[in-house]
Amino acid sequence: MTFPAITLCNQNLFRVSSLTKADLYYSGYWMDIMHLNHSVNRQSVAMLKHSRHRERMMQLLDFSDYNPPAHYEPNTTEMISRLGHQLEDMLLDCRFRGENCTYRNFTTIYTRYGKCYTFNSGLDGNPLLTTLKGGTGNGLEIMLDIQQDEYLPVWGDTDETSYEAGIKVQIHSQDEPPFIDQLGFGVAPGFQTFVSCQQQLLQYLPPPWGDCRSAPMDSEYFSTYSITACRIDCETRYLLENCNCRMVHMPGTSTVCTPEQYKDCADPALDFLVEKDNDYCVCQTPCNMTRYGKELSMVKIPSKASAKYLAKKFNKTEQYIGDNILVLDIFFEALNYEKIEQKKAYEVAGLLGDIGGQMGLFIGASVLTILEIFDYLYEVFKDKVLGYFLRKGRPRRSASDNLDYPENPTSPAVTPNHVPRAHVTHSGVTRTVSDSRRTCYLVTRL
């Protein structure tokens, strides 16, 4: 079974040790430690009083002898890539199906958390990895150092500062991009987290039975439609319309927002779109999608028995190991999948069957009854039409056809024993005249 893509991001956006004077001079306003005129925000600096990075930050914020380069335009993409946590420094151990792996098995990708990494992305021509068994040890197991000592001090409430320590993880298919800030789950240091997965295939019905989307995606950024691709495409268009730039993690070749544009336009606009505007980005559910159900459990790491060993192995203190090390184990519960399929409530055959059943139950109607009704209508129609043509083709009677008999049947002209002779007309009708009451009877010859 194909193993899913695993995307992980450090909760911290910038590493303190990698900051330079130029970074703070051009991006300090974005980080809320400087004003727009490049003067230091004293209120934010006061929050560094008890920070371990206070001395270094004060040196970087001293611009008395700093001469900014002329015509310099900050490159936000380069800055995020350089200041973000590097996987080769964070990854302490990696195994897939019991075999060693390295940071080269991960693909760099950008999200709202900055620089992130995806395992088994299938990009750059790399084949998709598969697993042959379920259970622990048959998936991806990694040990990470989240580097809390590198976390940017929190001196204000901004989108670029984090109150949490750990990593964010999303398990997704290779056909959809990660949307980790909305769909990811957190993994804390000091624990080994076990994630048992089950692949789920969902099939929905298109209109008129459902409201899923089966048409391909009309986008210049994505070829396969998914909810996350639709959301990212929509957010990109929204920022291009309102800020004339895009964020680093957004697709396309448009101009990337500068740190000042991030602060004044991009971050507020995207926050408004995500939290309050429910009408601009309306994404339908795809008719076919793949997702992964998860069950999480965790145990504490390191134990008292292993703390000294790990501290010696990685040349760190026991306190550092407990505050920064985590283990993530992702595997399939079993090599099967769950299929959830939406069915039509009424098929045409079922509808006709129900109608016939109700008619048979309440009015005793059936197919034979309907045929009998048609047969009756046919007979009535035939009788009317044939009767009309027979009456039209019958000759008129002459005056000689009428017989005159005396009132007294015992008169000499007529005796009781004499029965009048029946007259036969050409139409096949026999006229008989009674001698007692002179009543005419018509007998039709069939």
Protein backbone atom coordinates (compact mmCIF):
# COMPACT_ATOMS: atom_id res chain seq x y z
CA MET A 1 0.00 0.00 0.00
CA THR A 2 1.28 3.47 -0.89
CA PHE A 3 2.56 5.36 2.12
CA PRO A 4 1.07 8.86 2.57
CA ALA A 5 2.96 12.14 2.40
CA ILE A 6 4.08 13.45 5.80
CA THR A 7 4.60 17.22 6.15
CA LEU A 8 6.15 18.66 9.33
CA CYS A 9 6.96 22.20 10.42
CA ASN A 10 8.66 23.68 13.45
CA GLN A 11 6.36 25.96 15.41
CA ASN A 12 9.05 28.66 15.36
CA LEU A 13 9.49 30.73 12.19
CA PHE A 14 12.92 32.38 12.68
CA ARG A 15 16.07 31.19 14.43
CA VAL A 16 17.62 33.82 16.66
CA SER A 17 21.21 32.76 15.96
CA SER A 18 20.78 33.37 12.23
CA LEU A 19 19.44 36.94 12.50
CA THR A 20 21.59 39.75 11.15
CA LYS A 21 21.43 43.51 11.42
CA ALA A 22 20.05 43.69 7.91
CA ASP A 23 17.31 41.23 8.82
CA LEU A 24 16.19 43.30 11.79
CA TYR A 25 16.61 46.61 9.94
CA TYR A 26 14.35 45.57 7.06
CA SER A 27 12.15 43.04 8.87
CA GLY A 28 12.02 44.38 12.43
CA TYR A 29 8.74 46.15 11.65
CA TRP A 30 7.27 42.83 10.53
CA MET A 31 8.48 41.22 13.78
CA ASP A 32 7.01 44.12 15.80
CA ILE A 33 10.36 45.00 17.39
CA MET A 34 10.87 48.13 15.30
CA HIS A 35 8.74 50.95 13.96
CA LEU A 36 8.18 51.69 10.31
CA ASN A 37 10.84 54.44 10.39
CA HIS A 38 13.43 51.83 11.54
CA SER A 39 13.48 53.08 15.12
CA VAL A 40 13.48 50.49 17.93
CA ASN A 41 10.18 49.68 19.61
CA ARG A 42 11.08 50.30 23.25
CA GLN A 43 8.01 48.50 24.55
CA SER A 44 9.03 45.32 22.70
CA VAL A 45 12.67 45.64 23.79
CA ALA A 46 11.54 45.88 27.42
CA MET A 47 10.10 42.36 27.08
CA LEU A 48 13.66 41.07 26.48
CA LYS A 49 14.70 41.91 30.01
CA HIS A 50 14.66 38.29 31.18
CA SER A 51 15.38 36.65 27.81
CA ARG A 52 18.53 34.62 27.31
CA HIS A 53 18.90 36.36 23.95
CA ARG A 54 18.73 39.88 25.35
CA GLU A 55 22.41 40.69 24.91
CA ARG A 56 22.57 39.44 21.33
CA MET A 57 19.34 41.15 20.36
CA MET A 58 20.50 44.49 21.82
CA GLN A 59 23.67 44.28 19.76
CA LEU A 60 21.70 43.63 16.59
CA LEU A 61 19.32 46.48 17.35
CA ASP A 62 22.12 49.02 17.69
CA PHE A 63 22.04 50.78 14.32
CA SER A 64 24.19 53.77 15.31
CA ASP A 65 27.06 52.64 13.08
CA TYR A 66 24.98 50.72 10.53
CA ASN A 67 24.82 51.95 6.96
CA PRO A 68 22.10 50.13 5.03
CA PRO A 69 23.04 49.20 1.47
CA ALA A 70 21.65 51.50 -1.18
CA HIS A 71 18.72 50.31 -3.30
CA TYR A 72 18.45 47.14 -1.27
CA GLU A 73 15.20 45.21 -1.59
CA PRO A 74 14.70 42.48 1.01
CA ASN A 75 14.00 39.03 -0.39
CA THR A 76 11.35 37.50 1.84
CA THR A 77 11.69 34.01 0.36
CA GLU A 78 15.46 33.96 0.88
CA MET A 79 15.12 35.31 4.41
CA ILE A 80 12.55 32.70 5.47
CA SER A 81 14.62 29.93 3.92
CA ARG A 82 17.79 31.06 5.65
CA LEU A 83 16.28 31.88 9.05
CA GLY A 84 14.02 28.83 9.24
CA HIS A 85 14.97 25.65 11.07
CA GLN A 86 17.11 23.39 8.90
CA LEU A 87 16.12 19.75 8.80
CA GLU A 88 19.72 18.55 8.75
CA ASP A 89 20.11 20.15 12.19
CA MET A 90 16.77 18.97 13.61
CA LEU A 91 16.76 15.38 12.34
CA LEU A 92 18.63 13.15 14.79
CA ASP A 93 17.44 9.77 13.54
CA CYS A 94 15.24 8.56 10.67
CA ARG A 95 14.00 5.11 9.72
CA PHE A 96 11.45 3.91 7.19
CA ARG A 97 10.44 0.24 7.38
CA GLY A 98 13.52 -0.34 9.50
CA GLU A 99 15.95 1.16 6.99
CA ASN A 100 17.89 4.38 7.55
CA CYS A 101 16.80 7.59 5.87
CA THR A 102 18.20 11.13 5.93
CA TYR A 103 17.08 14.71 5.42
CA ARG A 104 17.62 14.16 1.69
CA ASN A 105 14.48 11.98 1.68
CA PHE A 106 12.45 15.10 2.53
CA THR A 107 11.33 17.86 0.17
CA THR A 108 11.39 21.50 1.23
CA ILE A 109 8.02 23.23 1.08
CA TYR A 110 6.74 26.55 2.42
CA THR A 111 3.59 27.06 4.49
CA ARG A 112 2.34 29.74 6.87
CA TYR A 113 4.76 28.24 9.40
CA GLY A 114 7.64 29.10 7.10
CA LYS A 115 10.11 26.48 5.95
CA CYS A 116 8.67 22.97 6.23
CA TYR A 117 9.55 19.51 4.96
CA THR A 118 7.56 16.70 3.32
CA PHE A 119 8.46 13.02 3.38
CA ASN A 120 7.37 10.86 0.41
CA SER A 121 6.06 13.84 -1.57
CA GLY A 122 6.61 12.15 -4.94
CA LEU A 123 8.08 15.38 -6.33
CA ASP A 124 11.32 15.78 -8.30
CA GLY A 125 10.77 12.42 -9.95
CA ASN A 126 11.14 10.42 -6.74
CA PRO A 127 9.07 7.20 -6.68
CA LEU A 128 6.35 6.86 -4.07
CA LEU A 129 7.28 4.64 -1.14
CA THR A 130 5.11 1.70 -0.15
CA THR A 131 4.76 -0.46 2.92
CA LEU A 132 4.11 -4.18 3.04
CA LYS A 133 2.86 -4.59 6.61
CA GLY A 134 1.00 -2.66 9.23
CA GLY A 135 2.05 -1.88 12.77
CA THR A 136 4.90 -0.12 14.51
CA GLY A 137 8.22 -0.40 12.73
CA ASN A 138 6.65 -0.65 9.27
CA GLY A 139 6.27 3.08 8.68
CA LEU A 140 8.21 6.28 9.32
CA GLU A 141 9.99 6.77 12.65
CA ILE A 142 11.96 9.98 13.24
CA MET A 143 13.67 11.62 16.21
CA LEU A 144 13.76 15.41 16.12
CA ASP A 145 15.41 18.22 18.04
CA ILE A 146 13.02 21.18 17.97
CA GLN A 147 15.82 23.62 19.05
CA GLN A 148 13.91 25.67 21.61
CA ASP A 149 17.06 27.68 22.29
CA GLU A 150 16.67 29.11 18.80
CA TYR A 151 13.08 30.26 19.29
CA LEU A 152 12.43 33.92 18.64
CA PRO A 153 11.65 35.75 21.90
CA VAL A 154 8.01 36.72 22.30
CA TRP A 155 7.80 40.49 22.78
CA GLY A 156 4.41 41.03 21.19
CA ASP A 157 1.37 39.37 19.72
CA THR A 158 2.11 38.87 16.01
CA ASP A 159 1.48 36.16 13.42
CA GLU A 160 5.18 35.36 13.36
CA THR A 161 5.61 34.62 17.07
CA SER A 162 4.68 31.30 18.63
CA TYR A 163 3.60 30.49 22.16
CA GLU A 164 3.99 26.74 21.58
CA ALA A 165 7.01 24.49 21.40
CA GLY A 166 7.00 21.46 19.14
CA ILE A 167 6.19 20.60 15.56
CA LYS A 168 3.04 20.59 13.45
CA VAL A 169 2.35 17.50 11.33
CA GLN A 170 -0.10 16.74 8.54
CA ILE A 171 -0.72 13.36 6.90
CA HIS A 172 -2.13 13.78 3.41
CA SER A 173 -2.14 12.25 -0.07
CA GLN A 174 0.38 13.22 -2.70
CA ASP A 175 -2.39 14.70 -4.87
CA GLU A 176 -3.17 17.57 -2.53
CA PRO A 177 -0.90 20.27 -1.12
CA PRO A 178 -0.44 20.56 2.65
CA PHE A 179 -2.69 22.94 4.56
CA ILE A 180 -0.91 22.40 7.81
CA ASP A 181 -1.93 25.58 9.64
CA GLN A 182 -5.57 24.47 9.41
CA LEU A 183 -5.41 20.67 9.26
CA GLY A 184 -2.21 19.72 11.07
CA PHE A 185 -1.88 18.21 14.55
CA GLY A 186 0.76 19.08 17.14
CA VAL A 187 3.53 16.88 18.51
CA ALA A 188 5.15 17.95 21.78
CA PRO A 189 8.77 17.49 22.90
CA GLY A 190 9.46 15.07 25.71
CA PHE A 191 7.12 12.43 24.25
CA GLN A 192 7.16 9.62 21.72
CA THR A 193 3.96 9.96 19.69
CA PHE A 194 2.47 6.96 17.91
CA VAL A 195 0.14 7.74 15.01
CA SER A 196 -1.89 4.80 13.72
CA CYS A 197 -3.39 5.56 10.29
CA GLN A 198 -6.11 4.09 8.14
CA GLN A 199 -6.67 5.09 4.55
CA GLN A 200 -10.20 6.22 3.78
CA LEU A 201 -11.61 6.53 0.26
CA LEU A 202 -14.62 8.82 0.04
CA GLN A 203 -16.98 8.94 -2.93
CA TYR A 204 -19.74 11.53 -3.15
CA LEU A 205 -22.52 11.98 -5.70
CA PRO A 206 -22.64 14.92 -8.13
CA PRO A 207 -25.81 17.02 -8.61
CA PRO A 208 -28.76 16.49 -8.54
CA TRP A 209 -28.19 13.86 -5.82
CA GLY A 210 -25.27 15.60 -4.09
CA ASP A 211 -23.18 18.76 -4.29
CA CYS A 212 -19.68 17.44 -4.97
CA ARG A 213 -17.46 18.61 -7.79
CA SER A 214 -16.33 16.21 -10.52
CA ALA A 215 -15.02 18.76 -13.04
CA PRO A 216 -11.25 19.39 -13.23
CA MET A 217 -9.88 22.41 -11.40
CA ASP A 218 -9.81 25.67 -13.33
CA SER A 219 -6.55 26.98 -11.91
CA GLU A 220 -3.16 27.99 -13.21
CA TYR A 221 -1.51 26.67 -10.05
CA PHE A 222 -3.02 23.19 -9.51
CA SER A 223 -4.09 20.47 -11.91
CA THR A 224 -5.93 18.17 -9.48
CA TYR A 225 -8.92 19.52 -7.60
CA SER A 226 -9.00 19.22 -3.82
CA ILE A 227 -10.38 21.35 -1.02
CA THR A 228 -6.91 22.45 0.09
CA ALA A 229 -5.86 23.29 -3.48
CA CYS A 230 -9.05 25.32 -3.90
CA ARG A 231 -8.46 27.18 -0.64
CA ILE A 232 -4.83 28.01 -1.43
CA ASP A 233 -5.77 29.10 -4.95
CA CYS A 234 -8.53 31.31 -3.57
CA GLU A 235 -6.29 32.85 -0.90
CA THR A 236 -3.64 33.59 -3.51
CA ARG A 237 -6.12 35.41 -5.74
CA TYR A 238 -7.50 37.31 -2.75
CA LEU A 239 -4.07 38.64 -1.77
CA LEU A 240 -3.21 39.54 -5.35
CA GLU A 241 -6.42 41.55 -5.58
CA ASN A 242 -6.01 43.32 -2.24
CA CYS A 243 -2.23 43.56 -1.71
CA ASN A 244 -0.77 43.14 -5.22
CA CYS A 245 1.58 40.46 -3.92
CA ARG A 246 1.58 36.90 -2.66
CA MET A 247 2.97 35.17 0.42
CA VAL A 248 6.00 32.93 0.20
CA HIS A 249 3.97 29.73 0.55
CA MET A 250 1.52 30.67 -2.19
CA PRO A 251 1.98 29.31 -5.73
CA GLY A 252 2.66 31.33 -8.84
CA THR A 253 5.27 33.71 -10.19
CA SER A 254 3.78 36.97 -8.91
CA THR A 255 5.78 39.34 -6.74
CA VAL A 256 6.35 38.09 -3.19
CA CYS A 257 5.24 40.46 -0.45
CA THR A 258 7.95 42.41 1.33
CA PRO A 259 8.17 42.28 5.15
CA GLU A 260 6.35 45.61 5.33
CA GLN A 261 3.55 44.31 3.06
CA TYR A 262 3.31 41.20 5.26
CA LYS A 263 2.75 43.42 8.30
CA ASP A 264 0.40 46.01 6.80
CA CYS A 265 -1.63 44.02 4.27
CA ALA A 266 -0.95 40.32 3.73
CA ASP A 267 -1.29 38.97 7.28
CA PRO A 268 -4.41 41.05 8.19
CA ALA A 269 -6.09 40.28 4.85
CA LEU A 270 -5.49 36.54 5.10
CA ASP A 271 -6.61 36.45 8.74
CA PHE A 272 -9.81 38.25 7.78
CA LEU A 273 -10.41 35.85 4.90
CA VAL A 274 -9.87 32.73 7.04
CA GLU A 275 -11.81 33.84 10.11
CA LYS A 276 -14.63 36.10 8.89
CA ASP A 277 -15.19 36.04 5.14
CA ASN A 278 -17.18 32.89 4.44
CA ASP A 279 -18.44 33.94 1.00
CA TYR A 280 -15.27 34.58 -0.98
CA CYS A 281 -13.66 31.15 -0.75
CA VAL A 282 -16.40 28.55 -1.19
CA CYS A 283 -14.86 25.21 -2.10
CA GLN A 284 -16.98 22.19 -2.97
CA THR A 285 -16.15 18.71 -1.81
CA PRO A 286 -14.52 16.62 -4.58
CA CYS A 287 -16.46 13.57 -5.71
CA ASN A 288 -13.43 11.36 -5.00
CA MET A 289 -10.99 12.07 -2.22
CA THR A 290 -8.52 10.26 0.01
CA ARG A 291 -7.95 11.03 3.65
CA TYR A 292 -6.26 9.31 6.55
CA GLY A 293 -7.94 8.61 9.85
CA LYS A 294 -5.60 8.91 12.82
CA GLU A 295 -5.36 7.54 16.32
CA LEU A 296 -2.70 9.12 18.53
CA SER A 297 -1.05 7.82 21.67
CA MET A 298 2.12 8.88 23.42
CA VAL A 299 4.65 7.90 26.05
CA LYS A 300 7.21 10.05 27.84
CA ILE A 301 10.73 10.27 26.54
CA PRO A 302 13.41 10.10 27.79
CA SER A 303 12.96 7.75 30.65
CA LYS A 304 15.15 8.13 33.70
CA ALA A 305 17.16 5.14 32.50
CA SER A 306 17.83 6.61 29.04
CA ALA A 307 18.27 10.32 29.84
CA LYS A 308 22.02 10.09 30.54
CA TYR A 309 22.63 7.89 27.50
CA LEU A 310 20.82 10.26 25.13
CA ALA A 311 22.55 13.29 26.67
CA LYS A 312 25.93 11.68 26.09
CA LYS A 313 25.01 10.47 22.60
CA PHE A 314 23.95 13.89 21.34
CA ASN A 315 26.35 15.89 23.52
CA LYS A 316 23.52 17.71 25.31
CA THR A 317 22.36 18.06 28.88
CA GLU A 318 19.59 15.92 30.31
CA GLN A 319 17.46 19.03 30.69
CA TYR A 320 17.96 19.85 27.01
CA ILE A 321 16.98 16.33 26.00
CA GLY A 322 13.74 16.52 27.98
CA ASP A 323 12.84 19.97 26.58
CA ASN A 324 13.72 19.45 22.92
CA ILE A 325 13.71 15.81 21.86
CA LEU A 326 10.64 14.08 20.44
CA VAL A 327 10.01 10.84 18.55
CA LEU A 328 7.29 10.49 15.92
CA ASP A 329 6.18 7.05 14.71
CA ILE A 330 3.63 6.97 11.84
CA PHE A 331 2.36 3.64 10.51
CA PHE A 332 -0.67 1.90 9.05
CA GLU A 333 -2.89 0.08 11.50
CA ALA A 334 -3.41 -2.63 8.87
CA LEU A 335 -2.99 -2.98 5.14
CA ASN A 336 -6.60 -2.27 4.31
CA TYR A 337 -8.69 0.76 3.57
CA GLU A 338 -12.15 1.99 4.40
CA LYS A 339 -14.45 3.04 1.58
CA ILE A 340 -17.25 5.47 2.32
CA GLU A 341 -19.62 5.78 -0.63
CA GLN A 342 -22.64 8.01 -1.00
CA LYS A 343 -25.62 6.24 -2.59
CA LYS A 344 -28.71 7.57 -4.31
CA ALA A 345 -31.71 7.54 -2.00
CA TYR A 346 -34.08 6.70 -4.91
CA GLU A 347 -33.32 5.01 -8.19
CA VAL A 348 -35.86 5.29 -11.03
CA ALA A 349 -36.68 1.59 -10.76
CA GLY A 350 -37.18 1.90 -7.02
CA LEU A 351 -39.45 4.91 -7.47
CA LEU A 352 -41.67 3.09 -9.97
CA GLY A 353 -41.73 0.02 -7.75
CA ASP A 354 -42.86 2.07 -4.75
CA ILE A 355 -45.57 3.80 -6.76
CA GLY A 356 -46.86 0.44 -8.03
CA GLY A 357 -46.75 -1.04 -4.55
CA GLN A 358 -48.73 1.84 -3.05
CA MET A 359 -51.34 1.65 -5.81
CA GLY A 360 -51.69 -2.10 -5.36
CA LEU A 361 -51.99 -1.72 -1.59
CA PHE A 362 -54.53 1.10 -1.42
CA ILE A 363 -56.64 0.77 -4.62
CA GLY A 364 -55.94 -2.82 -5.64
CA ALA A 365 -54.39 -1.67 -8.88
CA SER A 366 -51.86 -3.68 -10.81
CA VAL A 367 -50.47 -3.93 -14.31
CA LEU A 368 -53.40 -6.15 -15.34
CA THR A 369 -55.81 -3.54 -14.02
CA ILE A 370 -54.16 -0.87 -16.13
CA LEU A 371 -54.31 -3.15 -19.18
CA GLU A 372 -57.98 -3.83 -18.52
CA ILE A 373 -58.67 -0.10 -18.42
CA PHE A 374 -56.98 0.32 -21.79
CA ASP A 375 -58.93 -2.65 -23.15
CA TYR A 376 -62.20 -1.13 -21.95
CA LEU A 377 -61.40 2.20 -23.54
CA TYR A 378 -60.51 0.41 -26.77
CA GLU A 379 -63.82 -1.50 -26.81
CA VAL A 380 -65.80 1.66 -26.15
CA PHE A 381 -63.98 3.48 -28.90
CA LYS A 382 -64.43 0.60 -31.33
CA ASP A 383 -68.16 0.32 -30.55
CA LYS A 384 -68.70 4.04 -31.06
CA VAL A 385 -66.79 4.19 -34.31
CA LEU A 386 -68.26 1.00 -35.80
CA GLY A 387 -71.75 1.97 -34.69
CA TYR A 388 -71.39 5.31 -36.38
CA PHE A 389 -70.34 3.78 -39.69
CA LEU A 390 -73.09 1.07 -39.52
CA ARG A 391 -75.78 3.67 -38.94
CA LYS A 392 -74.41 5.78 -41.74
CA GLY A 393 -74.43 2.87 -44.23
CA ARG A 394 -77.99 1.56 -43.33
CA PRO A 395 -80.69 2.30 -46.06
CA ARG A 396 -83.78 4.33 -45.13
CA ARG A 397 -87.16 2.49 -44.68
CA SER A 398 -90.00 3.07 -47.22
CA ALA A 399 -93.69 3.66 -46.40
CA SER A 400 -94.64 0.17 -47.60
CA ASP A 401 -92.60 -1.36 -44.83
CA ASN A 402 -95.20 -0.19 -42.31
CA LEU A 403 -98.04 -2.71 -41.78
CA ASP A 404 -101.56 -1.73 -40.85
CA TYR A 405 -103.62 -4.24 -38.93
CA PRO A 406 -107.17 -3.87 -37.68
CA GLU A 407 -107.87 -3.09 -34.07
CA ASN A 408 -109.94 -6.27 -33.52
CA PRO A 409 -107.86 -9.36 -33.97
CA THR A 410 -111.00 -11.48 -34.37
CA SER A 411 -112.26 -9.58 -37.42
CA PRO A 412 -112.92 -11.56 -40.57
CA ALA A 413 -109.83 -10.12 -42.17
CA VAL A 414 -107.52 -11.62 -39.57
CA THR A 415 -108.09 -14.75 -37.60
CA PRO A 416 -106.28 -15.70 -34.39
CA ASN A 417 -104.71 -18.61 -36.09
CA HIS A 418 -103.21 -16.40 -38.73
CA VAL A 419 -99.84 -15.04 -37.58
CA PRO A 420 -98.52 -12.16 -39.57
CA ARG A 421 -95.48 -12.95 -41.69
CA ALA A 422 -92.28 -11.49 -40.61
CA HIS A 423 -90.68 -9.01 -42.98
CA VAL A 424 -86.95 -9.29 -43.50
CA THR A 425 -85.06 -6.13 -44.40
CA HIS A 426 -81.73 -5.94 -46.20
CA SER A 427 -79.97 -4.86 -43.07
CA GLY A 428 -80.38 -8.27 -41.48
CA VAL A 429 -83.09 -7.18 -38.99
CA THR A 430 -86.35 -9.13 -38.70
CA ARG A 431 -89.48 -7.14 -37.86
CA THR A 432 -92.26 -9.19 -36.15
CA VAL A 433 -95.67 -7.75 -35.50
CA SER A 434 -97.76 -9.07 -32.60
CA ASP A 435 -101.39 -9.75 -33.36
CA SER A 436 -102.64 -8.91 -29.92
CA ARG A 437 -101.18 -5.49 -29.15
CA ARG A 438 -99.48 -4.68 -32.45
CA THR A 439 -96.06 -4.39 -30.79
CA CYS A 440 -92.94 -4.47 -32.94
CA TYR A 441 -89.97 -6.55 -31.92
CA LEU A 442 -86.54 -6.23 -33.51
CA VAL A 443 -84.44 -9.36 -33.55
CA THR A 444 -80.88 -8.90 -34.59
CA ARG A 445 -79.29 -11.76 -36.43
CA LEU A 446 -75.78 -12.31 -35.04
